[in-house]
């Protein structure tokens, strides 16, 4: 059984504010036409139907999960490159 203080990768794949990892990767990839301008992320997220407040929570949460969980990071990279 895993330690409750260290979430499993499966738990780390739960959507954040309605944004799953696949959608997060699509939004992240969606700023390519804007020269990877990070300030365009909320605009691209809205185009995918994600409200600004939800995107802010999702971005913060997914950034932490990708940083802290190598398996999530690897899956993000895979999803991002195929987006």
Protein backbone atom coordinates (compact mmCIF):
# COMPACT_ATOMS: atom_id res chain seq x y z
CA UNK A 1 0.00 0.00 0.00
CA UNK A 2 1.35 3.45 -0.85
CA UNK A 3 2.08 6.18 1.66
CA UNK A 4 -0.86 8.62 1.81
CA UNK A 5 1.54 11.58 1.81
CA UNK A 6 2.98 10.55 -1.57
CA UNK A 7 0.23 10.22 -4.18
CA UNK A 8 0.57 7.50 -6.75
CA UNK A 9 0.92 8.35 -10.41
CA UNK A 10 -2.68 7.19 -10.91
CA UNK A 11 -3.84 9.84 -8.44
CA UNK A 12 -1.61 12.36 -10.19
CA UNK A 13 -3.52 11.75 -13.43
CA UNK A 14 -6.85 12.92 -12.02
CA UNK A 15 -8.11 16.06 -13.81
CA UNK A 16 -7.50 19.41 -12.16
CA UNK A 17 -10.36 21.91 -12.43
CA UNK A 18 -11.80 19.75 -15.20
CA UNK A 19 -8.55 19.71 -17.20
CA UNK A 20 -6.99 16.31 -17.79
CA UNK A 21 -3.37 15.85 -18.83
CA UNK A 22 -4.26 15.37 -22.49
CA UNK A 23 -6.15 18.67 -22.61
CA UNK A 24 -3.36 20.38 -20.67
CA UNK A 25 -0.87 19.18 -23.29
CA UNK A 26 -3.10 20.40 -26.14
CA UNK A 27 -3.39 23.86 -24.59
CA UNK A 28 0.35 23.99 -23.93
CA UNK A 29 1.04 23.01 -27.54
CA UNK A 30 -1.56 25.53 -28.70
CA UNK A 31 0.71 28.48 -27.99
CA UNK A 32 3.20 27.37 -30.68
CA UNK A 33 1.65 29.68 -33.30
CA UNK A 34 2.21 32.56 -30.87
CA UNK A 35 5.94 31.90 -30.55
CA UNK A 36 5.34 29.99 -27.29
CA UNK A 37 4.16 33.19 -25.61
CA UNK A 38 3.02 31.96 -22.17
CA UNK A 39 0.65 34.91 -21.82
CA UNK A 40 -1.48 33.33 -24.57
CA UNK A 41 -2.22 30.19 -22.52
CA UNK A 42 -5.51 31.50 -21.04
CA UNK A 43 -6.69 32.52 -24.51
CA UNK A 44 -5.85 29.11 -25.97
CA UNK A 45 -7.45 27.39 -22.98
CA UNK A 46 -10.67 29.36 -23.59
CA UNK A 47 -10.64 28.15 -27.20
CA UNK A 48 -10.71 24.61 -25.75
CA UNK A 49 -13.63 25.54 -23.48
CA UNK A 50 -11.65 26.06 -20.27
CA UNK A 51 -12.56 29.12 -18.17
CA UNK A 52 -9.71 31.38 -17.09
CA UNK A 53 -10.02 30.54 -13.38
CA UNK A 54 -10.09 26.82 -14.13
CA UNK A 55 -7.06 27.17 -16.37
CA UNK A 56 -5.11 29.01 -13.66
CA UNK A 57 -5.78 26.18 -11.17
CA UNK A 58 -5.03 23.50 -13.76
CA UNK A 59 -1.81 25.15 -14.86
CA UNK A 60 -0.54 25.45 -11.30
CA UNK A 61 -1.51 21.89 -10.45
CA UNK A 62 -0.23 20.23 -13.62
CA UNK A 63 3.05 22.13 -13.43
CA UNK A 64 3.61 20.76 -9.92
CA UNK A 65 2.64 17.20 -10.88
CA UNK A 66 4.88 17.21 -13.95
CA UNK A 67 7.75 18.54 -11.87
CA UNK A 68 7.25 16.05 -9.04
CA UNK A 69 6.29 12.83 -10.84
CA UNK A 70 8.57 11.46 -13.57
CA UNK A 71 5.85 9.20 -14.97
CA UNK A 72 3.45 12.11 -15.33
CA UNK A 73 6.23 14.15 -16.94
CA UNK A 74 6.92 11.38 -19.44
CA UNK A 75 3.25 11.02 -20.30
CA UNK A 76 2.93 14.80 -20.70
CA UNK A 77 5.90 14.81 -23.10
CA UNK A 78 4.31 12.02 -25.12
CA UNK A 79 0.94 13.78 -25.28
CA UNK A 80 2.52 17.15 -26.05
CA UNK A 81 4.56 15.83 -28.98
CA UNK A 82 1.59 14.11 -30.57
CA UNK A 83 -0.76 17.12 -30.13
